[in-house]
Amino acid sequence: LLVEYSVDLCLWGHNHNAEITCPLQRGKCVYSPANGYDAPVHVIAGNGGQSLSGWAQSPEWSLWRAMQFGYVVLKVEGPTRLEINFYADCNWVPSPADGPNTNCSQAHKIVHTAELRRAPGLWLDRPVVPASDPRAPSDLSQKN
């Protein structure tokens, strides 16, 4: 459904960590040439508080991960570029019992950046629903 509707980015927050994937379709990385649409990139931004969760494995579609408190800021530059900045945060005094991922020296600093790029005009005049959807207008070339 996400690919059918050309979703670029999925933001998730339930897992208590941070992660970004490759463009992902059916569990595989897919890339299109020339900044065209490929598949949704998934971002987990669940490291804002409470506690942190680890991972059981590191699949090939995971491009970057952090088990560190922080937050995500999205920067949109017109219809062709989206920048995803992962920031570290620290608002407690770490102790040795907290483990190795509690370094507060990077608080409020970008620890990872990723971007989504699309060719100019890729989304212009594109219907919100696919032409195959029965809810789509019968003539997509007409504008309301």
N, C-alpha and C. Protein backbone atom coordinates (compact mmCIF):
# COMPACT_ATOMS: atom_id res chain seq x y z
N LEU A 1 0.82 -1.19 0.00
CA LEU A 1 0.00 0.00 0.00
C LEU A 1 0.88 1.27 0.00
N LEU A 2 1.97 1.25 0.78
CA LEU A 2 2.85 2.42 0.83
C LEU A 2 3.50 2.68 -0.52
N VAL A 3 3.91 1.62 -1.22
CA VAL A 3 4.52 1.77 -2.55
C VAL A 3 3.46 2.19 -3.56
N GLU A 4 2.28 1.60 -3.47
CA GLU A 4 1.20 1.93 -4.40
C GLU A 4 0.87 3.42 -4.37
N TYR A 5 0.92 4.02 -3.19
CA TYR A 5 0.60 5.43 -3.04
C TYR A 5 1.86 6.31 -3.02
N SER A 6 3.00 5.75 -3.39
CA SER A 6 4.27 6.49 -3.52
C SER A 6 4.67 7.25 -2.25
N VAL A 7 4.54 6.58 -1.12
CA VAL A 7 4.94 7.19 0.14
C VAL A 7 6.47 7.24 0.18
N ASP A 8 7.04 8.41 0.45
CA ASP A 8 8.49 8.58 0.49
C ASP A 8 9.08 8.22 1.85
N LEU A 9 8.39 8.62 2.92
CA LEU A 9 8.97 8.51 4.25
C LEU A 9 7.93 8.04 5.24
N CYS A 10 8.29 7.05 6.05
CA CYS A 10 7.45 6.58 7.14
C CYS A 10 8.17 6.89 8.44
N LEU A 11 7.49 7.59 9.33
CA LEU A 11 8.07 7.94 10.63
C LEU A 11 7.42 7.07 11.70
N TRP A 12 8.25 6.41 12.50
CA TRP A 12 7.78 5.51 13.54
C TRP A 12 8.40 5.95 14.87
N GLY A 13 7.72 5.68 15.95
CA GLY A 13 8.27 6.09 17.23
C GLY A 13 8.07 5.11 18.35
N HIS A 14 7.51 3.96 18.11
CA HIS A 14 7.22 3.03 19.21
C HIS A 14 8.49 2.41 19.78
N ASN A 15 9.38 1.96 18.93
CA ASN A 15 10.64 1.37 19.42
C ASN A 15 11.47 2.47 20.06
N HIS A 16 12.10 2.17 21.17
CA HIS A 16 12.86 3.18 21.91
C HIS A 16 14.32 3.18 21.47
N ASN A 17 14.53 3.64 20.23
CA ASN A 17 15.86 3.79 19.66
C ASN A 17 15.72 4.66 18.42
N ALA A 18 16.79 4.80 17.64
CA ALA A 18 16.77 5.57 16.40
C ALA A 18 17.34 4.71 15.29
N GLU A 19 16.72 4.82 14.11
CA GLU A 19 17.18 4.00 12.98
C GLU A 19 16.67 4.60 11.68
N ILE A 20 17.39 4.35 10.60
CA ILE A 20 16.92 4.71 9.26
C ILE A 20 17.23 3.53 8.34
N THR A 21 16.29 3.29 7.42
CA THR A 21 16.46 2.18 6.48
C THR A 21 16.73 2.69 5.08
N CYS A 22 17.12 1.78 4.21
CA CYS A 22 17.18 2.07 2.79
C CYS A 22 15.73 2.17 2.30
N PRO A 23 15.49 2.61 1.04
CA PRO A 23 14.14 2.50 0.49
C PRO A 23 13.74 1.02 0.51
N LEU A 24 12.65 0.70 1.18
CA LEU A 24 12.36 -0.68 1.52
C LEU A 24 11.04 -1.15 0.93
N GLN A 25 11.11 -2.27 0.20
CA GLN A 25 9.91 -2.89 -0.36
C GLN A 25 10.01 -4.40 -0.16
N ARG A 26 9.03 -4.95 0.54
CA ARG A 26 8.98 -6.39 0.82
C ARG A 26 10.26 -6.90 1.47
N GLY A 27 10.82 -6.11 2.39
CA GLY A 27 12.00 -6.51 3.13
C GLY A 27 13.31 -6.41 2.38
N LYS A 28 13.31 -5.78 1.21
CA LYS A 28 14.52 -5.64 0.39
C LYS A 28 14.76 -4.18 0.06
N CYS A 29 16.05 -3.83 -0.05
CA CYS A 29 16.42 -2.47 -0.49
C CYS A 29 16.17 -2.36 -1.99
N VAL A 30 15.52 -1.28 -2.40
CA VAL A 30 15.29 -1.03 -3.82
C VAL A 30 15.67 0.42 -4.11
N TYR A 31 16.32 0.62 -5.24
CA TYR A 31 16.75 1.96 -5.64
C TYR A 31 16.37 2.18 -7.09
N SER A 32 15.87 3.39 -7.39
CA SER A 32 15.57 3.74 -8.77
C SER A 32 16.62 4.72 -9.28
N PRO A 33 16.83 4.76 -10.58
CA PRO A 33 17.82 5.70 -11.12
C PRO A 33 17.28 7.13 -11.14
N ALA A 34 18.19 8.06 -11.16
CA ALA A 34 17.90 9.48 -11.39
C ALA A 34 16.92 10.09 -10.38
N ASN A 35 17.04 9.74 -9.11
CA ASN A 35 16.24 10.35 -8.05
C ASN A 35 14.74 10.17 -8.25
N GLY A 36 14.33 9.12 -8.94
CA GLY A 36 12.92 8.83 -9.09
C GLY A 36 12.39 8.15 -7.85
N TYR A 37 11.12 7.78 -7.85
CA TYR A 37 10.55 7.11 -6.69
C TYR A 37 11.00 5.66 -6.66
N ASP A 38 11.38 5.17 -5.50
CA ASP A 38 11.77 3.77 -5.36
C ASP A 38 10.88 3.06 -4.35
N ALA A 39 10.90 3.46 -3.10
CA ALA A 39 10.08 2.85 -2.05
C ALA A 39 10.23 3.71 -0.80
N PRO A 40 9.40 3.47 0.21
CA PRO A 40 9.51 4.29 1.43
C PRO A 40 10.80 4.03 2.20
N VAL A 41 11.34 5.09 2.75
CA VAL A 41 12.42 5.02 3.72
C VAL A 41 11.73 5.07 5.08
N HIS A 42 12.17 4.20 6.00
CA HIS A 42 11.57 4.15 7.33
C HIS A 42 12.53 4.75 8.34
N VAL A 43 12.00 5.66 9.17
CA VAL A 43 12.79 6.30 10.22
C VAL A 43 12.12 5.98 11.55
N ILE A 44 12.90 5.42 12.46
CA ILE A 44 12.43 5.24 13.83
C ILE A 44 13.01 6.38 14.64
N ALA A 45 12.14 7.15 15.25
CA ALA A 45 12.55 8.27 16.09
C ALA A 45 11.89 8.09 17.45
N GLY A 46 12.23 7.01 18.11
CA GLY A 46 11.60 6.69 19.39
C GLY A 46 12.54 6.83 20.57
N ASN A 47 13.59 7.59 20.39
CA ASN A 47 14.61 7.70 21.42
C ASN A 47 14.49 8.98 22.24
N GLY A 48 13.27 9.48 22.38
CA GLY A 48 13.06 10.74 23.07
C GLY A 48 13.00 10.66 24.57
N GLY A 49 12.89 9.48 25.13
CA GLY A 49 12.82 9.41 26.59
C GLY A 49 12.42 8.03 27.07
N GLN A 50 12.07 7.94 28.33
CA GLN A 50 11.68 6.72 29.02
C GLN A 50 12.85 5.77 29.17
N SER A 51 13.08 4.91 28.21
CA SER A 51 14.19 3.96 28.25
C SER A 51 14.59 3.66 26.82
N LEU A 52 15.69 2.98 26.63
CA LEU A 52 16.15 2.63 25.29
C LEU A 52 16.04 1.13 25.08
N SER A 53 15.78 0.74 23.83
CA SER A 53 15.66 -0.67 23.46
C SER A 53 16.75 -1.04 22.48
N GLY A 54 17.31 -2.21 22.63
CA GLY A 54 18.34 -2.69 21.72
C GLY A 54 17.72 -3.47 20.57
N TRP A 55 18.58 -4.13 19.79
CA TRP A 55 18.15 -4.91 18.65
C TRP A 55 18.67 -6.34 18.79
N ALA A 56 17.94 -7.27 18.21
CA ALA A 56 18.37 -8.66 18.23
C ALA A 56 19.35 -8.94 17.09
N GLN A 57 19.21 -8.21 16.00
CA GLN A 57 20.05 -8.44 14.82
C GLN A 57 20.23 -7.14 14.04
N SER A 58 21.06 -7.17 13.03
CA SER A 58 21.28 -6.00 12.18
C SER A 58 21.02 -6.40 10.73
N PRO A 59 19.79 -6.25 10.25
CA PRO A 59 19.47 -6.64 8.87
C PRO A 59 20.13 -5.71 7.85
N GLU A 60 20.26 -6.20 6.62
CA GLU A 60 20.95 -5.43 5.57
C GLU A 60 20.24 -4.14 5.22
N TRP A 61 18.94 -4.04 5.47
CA TRP A 61 18.21 -2.83 5.13
C TRP A 61 18.38 -1.71 6.15
N SER A 62 19.00 -1.98 7.27
CA SER A 62 19.23 -0.96 8.28
C SER A 62 20.51 -0.20 7.92
N LEU A 63 20.38 1.08 7.60
CA LEU A 63 21.54 1.88 7.18
C LEU A 63 22.28 2.52 8.34
N TRP A 64 21.54 2.85 9.42
CA TRP A 64 22.16 3.48 10.57
C TRP A 64 21.26 3.25 11.78
N ARG A 65 21.88 3.05 12.94
CA ARG A 65 21.14 2.83 14.18
C ARG A 65 21.84 3.52 15.34
N ALA A 66 21.05 3.90 16.34
CA ALA A 66 21.63 4.45 17.56
C ALA A 66 20.76 4.08 18.74
N MET A 67 21.39 3.60 19.77
CA MET A 67 20.70 3.38 21.03
C MET A 67 21.18 4.47 21.98
N GLN A 68 20.67 5.67 21.72
CA GLN A 68 21.08 6.87 22.44
C GLN A 68 19.89 7.80 22.48
N PHE A 69 19.68 8.47 23.59
CA PHE A 69 18.59 9.43 23.66
C PHE A 69 18.83 10.53 22.64
N GLY A 70 17.74 10.99 22.01
CA GLY A 70 17.87 12.04 21.02
C GLY A 70 16.54 12.36 20.36
N TYR A 71 16.61 13.02 19.23
CA TYR A 71 15.42 13.44 18.50
C TYR A 71 15.79 13.63 17.03
N VAL A 72 14.75 13.77 16.20
CA VAL A 72 14.93 13.91 14.75
C VAL A 72 14.34 15.23 14.30
N VAL A 73 15.03 15.91 13.41
CA VAL A 73 14.54 17.15 12.80
C VAL A 73 14.54 16.95 11.29
N LEU A 74 13.40 17.23 10.66
CA LEU A 74 13.28 17.14 9.21
C LEU A 74 13.41 18.54 8.62
N LYS A 75 14.18 18.65 7.56
CA LYS A 75 14.36 19.93 6.87
C LYS A 75 13.94 19.73 5.41
N VAL A 76 12.88 20.41 5.01
CA VAL A 76 12.34 20.28 3.66
C VAL A 76 12.88 21.43 2.81
N GLU A 77 13.45 21.08 1.67
CA GLU A 77 13.94 22.09 0.73
C GLU A 77 13.19 21.93 -0.58
N GLY A 78 12.00 22.53 -0.62
CA GLY A 78 11.17 22.45 -1.82
C GLY A 78 10.71 21.03 -2.09
N PRO A 79 10.28 20.76 -3.31
CA PRO A 79 9.76 19.43 -3.64
C PRO A 79 10.83 18.40 -3.99
N THR A 80 12.12 18.79 -3.93
CA THR A 80 13.15 17.87 -4.41
C THR A 80 14.06 17.30 -3.33
N ARG A 81 14.06 17.86 -2.13
CA ARG A 81 15.02 17.39 -1.12
C ARG A 81 14.44 17.44 0.29
N LEU A 82 14.66 16.36 1.02
CA LEU A 82 14.29 16.27 2.43
C LEU A 82 15.51 15.80 3.20
N GLU A 83 15.91 16.58 4.18
CA GLU A 83 17.06 16.22 5.01
C GLU A 83 16.55 15.71 6.35
N ILE A 84 17.12 14.60 6.82
CA ILE A 84 16.73 13.99 8.07
C ILE A 84 17.94 14.05 9.00
N ASN A 85 17.82 14.84 10.06
CA ASN A 85 18.93 15.00 11.00
C ASN A 85 18.60 14.33 12.33
N PHE A 86 19.47 13.44 12.75
CA PHE A 86 19.34 12.78 14.05
C PHE A 86 20.25 13.51 15.03
N TYR A 87 19.68 13.98 16.13
CA TYR A 87 20.42 14.70 17.15
C TYR A 87 20.57 13.84 18.39
N ALA A 88 21.71 13.96 19.06
CA ALA A 88 21.91 13.34 20.36
C ALA A 88 21.33 14.26 21.42
N ASP A 89 20.93 13.69 22.52
CA ASP A 89 20.43 14.47 23.64
C ASP A 89 20.88 13.79 24.92
N CYS A 90 20.97 14.56 25.96
CA CYS A 90 21.34 14.00 27.25
C CYS A 90 20.88 14.98 28.32
N ASN A 91 20.02 14.52 29.18
CA ASN A 91 19.55 15.41 30.23
C ASN A 91 19.63 14.74 31.61
N TRP A 92 20.60 13.88 31.77
CA TRP A 92 20.82 13.24 33.06
C TRP A 92 22.32 13.07 33.26
N VAL A 93 22.72 12.80 34.45
CA VAL A 93 24.13 12.58 34.75
C VAL A 93 24.41 11.09 34.56
N PRO A 94 25.24 10.73 33.56
CA PRO A 94 25.49 9.32 33.30
C PRO A 94 26.34 8.69 34.40
N SER A 95 26.12 7.42 34.59
CA SER A 95 26.94 6.65 35.52
C SER A 95 27.42 5.41 34.80
N PRO A 96 28.46 4.74 35.32
CA PRO A 96 28.93 3.52 34.66
C PRO A 96 27.84 2.47 34.48
N ALA A 97 26.84 2.47 35.35
CA ALA A 97 25.75 1.49 35.24
C ALA A 97 24.87 1.74 34.02
N ASP A 98 24.93 2.96 33.46
CA ASP A 98 24.11 3.30 32.31
C ASP A 98 24.61 2.68 31.02
N GLY A 99 25.84 2.19 31.00
CA GLY A 99 26.36 1.54 29.81
C GLY A 99 27.16 2.50 28.93
N PRO A 100 27.64 1.98 27.79
CA PRO A 100 28.56 2.75 26.94
C PRO A 100 27.89 3.80 26.07
N ASN A 101 26.58 3.81 25.94
CA ASN A 101 25.90 4.73 25.01
C ASN A 101 25.31 5.94 25.71
N THR A 102 25.91 6.38 26.79
CA THR A 102 25.36 7.50 27.55
C THR A 102 26.28 8.71 27.56
N ASN A 103 27.10 8.87 26.56
CA ASN A 103 28.02 9.99 26.49
C ASN A 103 27.24 11.27 26.20
N CYS A 104 27.27 12.21 27.12
CA CYS A 104 26.52 13.46 26.95
C CYS A 104 27.31 14.54 26.24
N SER A 105 28.52 14.25 25.78
CA SER A 105 29.33 15.27 25.12
C SER A 105 28.75 15.67 23.77
N GLN A 106 27.85 14.86 23.19
CA GLN A 106 27.26 15.17 21.90
C GLN A 106 25.86 15.75 22.02
N ALA A 107 25.45 16.16 23.20
CA ALA A 107 24.09 16.67 23.41
C ALA A 107 23.78 17.80 22.43
N HIS A 108 22.65 17.69 21.79
CA HIS A 108 22.12 18.67 20.84
C HIS A 108 23.02 18.87 19.63
N LYS A 109 23.78 17.86 19.27
CA LYS A 109 24.60 17.88 18.07
C LYS A 109 24.10 16.81 17.11
N ILE A 110 24.23 17.08 15.83
CA ILE A 110 23.82 16.10 14.83
C ILE A 110 24.79 14.92 14.87
N VAL A 111 24.23 13.71 15.01
CA VAL A 111 25.06 12.51 15.03
C VAL A 111 24.91 11.71 13.74
N HIS A 112 23.88 12.02 12.95
CA HIS A 112 23.71 11.35 11.66
C HIS A 112 22.77 12.19 10.79
N THR A 113 23.08 12.26 9.50
CA THR A 113 22.23 12.96 8.53
C THR A 113 21.99 12.05 7.34
N ALA A 114 20.77 12.06 6.87
CA ALA A 114 20.40 11.34 5.65
C ALA A 114 19.53 12.27 4.82
N GLU A 115 19.36 11.95 3.54
CA GLU A 115 18.50 12.79 2.71
C GLU A 115 17.74 11.94 1.72
N LEU A 116 16.59 12.47 1.35
CA LEU A 116 15.79 11.92 0.25
C LEU A 116 15.79 12.96 -0.84
N ARG A 117 16.09 12.54 -2.05
CA ARG A 117 16.07 13.45 -3.20
C ARG A 117 15.12 12.90 -4.26
N ARG A 118 14.44 13.80 -4.93
CA ARG A 118 13.56 13.44 -6.03
C ARG A 118 13.83 14.38 -7.18
N ALA A 119 13.68 13.88 -8.39
CA ALA A 119 13.89 14.69 -9.58
C ALA A 119 12.88 15.84 -9.59
N PRO A 120 13.29 17.02 -10.07
CA PRO A 120 12.35 18.14 -10.16
C PRO A 120 11.14 17.74 -11.00
N GLY A 121 9.97 18.10 -10.51
CA GLY A 121 8.74 17.81 -11.25
C GLY A 121 8.19 16.41 -11.05
N LEU A 122 8.87 15.57 -10.28
CA LEU A 122 8.40 14.19 -10.11
C LEU A 122 6.99 14.14 -9.54
N TRP A 123 6.69 15.03 -8.58
CA TRP A 123 5.39 14.98 -7.92
C TRP A 123 4.38 15.97 -8.51
N LEU A 124 4.80 16.81 -9.45
CA LEU A 124 3.86 17.76 -10.03
C LEU A 124 2.81 17.04 -10.87
N ASP A 125 1.59 17.49 -10.78
CA ASP A 125 0.47 16.94 -11.55
C ASP A 125 0.26 15.45 -11.29
N ARG A 126 0.73 14.96 -10.17
CA ARG A 126 0.55 13.55 -9.83
C ARG A 126 -0.71 13.42 -8.98
N PRO A 127 -1.61 12.52 -9.33
CA PRO A 127 -2.84 12.38 -8.54
C PRO A 127 -2.52 11.83 -7.15
N VAL A 128 -3.37 12.16 -6.19
CA VAL A 128 -3.20 11.67 -4.84
C VAL A 128 -3.48 10.17 -4.79
N VAL A 129 -4.42 9.71 -5.58
CA VAL A 129 -4.71 8.27 -5.64
C VAL A 129 -4.24 7.73 -6.99
N PRO A 130 -3.75 6.48 -7.03
CA PRO A 130 -3.30 5.91 -8.30
C PRO A 130 -4.44 5.82 -9.31
N ALA A 131 -4.12 5.89 -10.58
CA ALA A 131 -5.12 5.83 -11.63
C ALA A 131 -5.91 4.53 -11.56
N SER A 132 -5.31 3.45 -11.03
CA SER A 132 -6.00 2.17 -10.93
C SER A 132 -7.04 2.14 -9.83
N ASP A 133 -7.00 3.11 -8.94
CA ASP A 133 -7.94 3.16 -7.82
C ASP A 133 -9.31 3.60 -8.33
N PRO A 134 -10.38 2.90 -7.97
CA PRO A 134 -11.72 3.29 -8.45
C PRO A 134 -12.15 4.68 -8.00
N ARG A 135 -11.49 5.24 -6.98
CA ARG A 135 -11.82 6.59 -6.51
C ARG A 135 -11.14 7.66 -7.35
N ALA A 136 -10.23 7.28 -8.24
CA ALA A 136 -9.50 8.26 -9.05
C ALA A 136 -10.42 8.86 -10.10
N PRO A 137 -10.20 10.13 -10.46
CA PRO A 137 -11.00 10.73 -11.52
C PRO A 137 -10.81 9.97 -12.82
N SER A 138 -11.85 9.98 -13.66
CA SER A 138 -11.76 9.21 -14.92
C SER A 138 -10.76 9.85 -15.88
N ASP A 139 -10.56 11.16 -15.81
CA ASP A 139 -9.58 11.83 -16.67
C ASP A 139 -8.59 12.58 -15.80
N LEU A 140 -7.44 11.98 -15.56
CA LEU A 140 -6.46 12.57 -14.66
C LEU A 140 -5.75 13.77 -15.26
N SER A 141 -5.93 14.02 -16.55
CA SER A 141 -5.26 15.15 -17.18
C SER A 141 -6.00 16.46 -16.90
N GLN A 142 -7.26 16.38 -16.49
CA GLN A 142 -8.01 17.59 -16.18
C GLN A 142 -7.72 18.03 -14.76
N LYS A 143 -7.63 19.33 -14.56
CA LYS A 143 -7.39 19.87 -13.23
C LYS A 143 -8.66 20.54 -12.75
N ASN A 144 -8.90 20.42 -11.46
CA ASN A 144 -10.09 21.06 -10.87
C ASN A 144 -9.81 22.49 -10.54
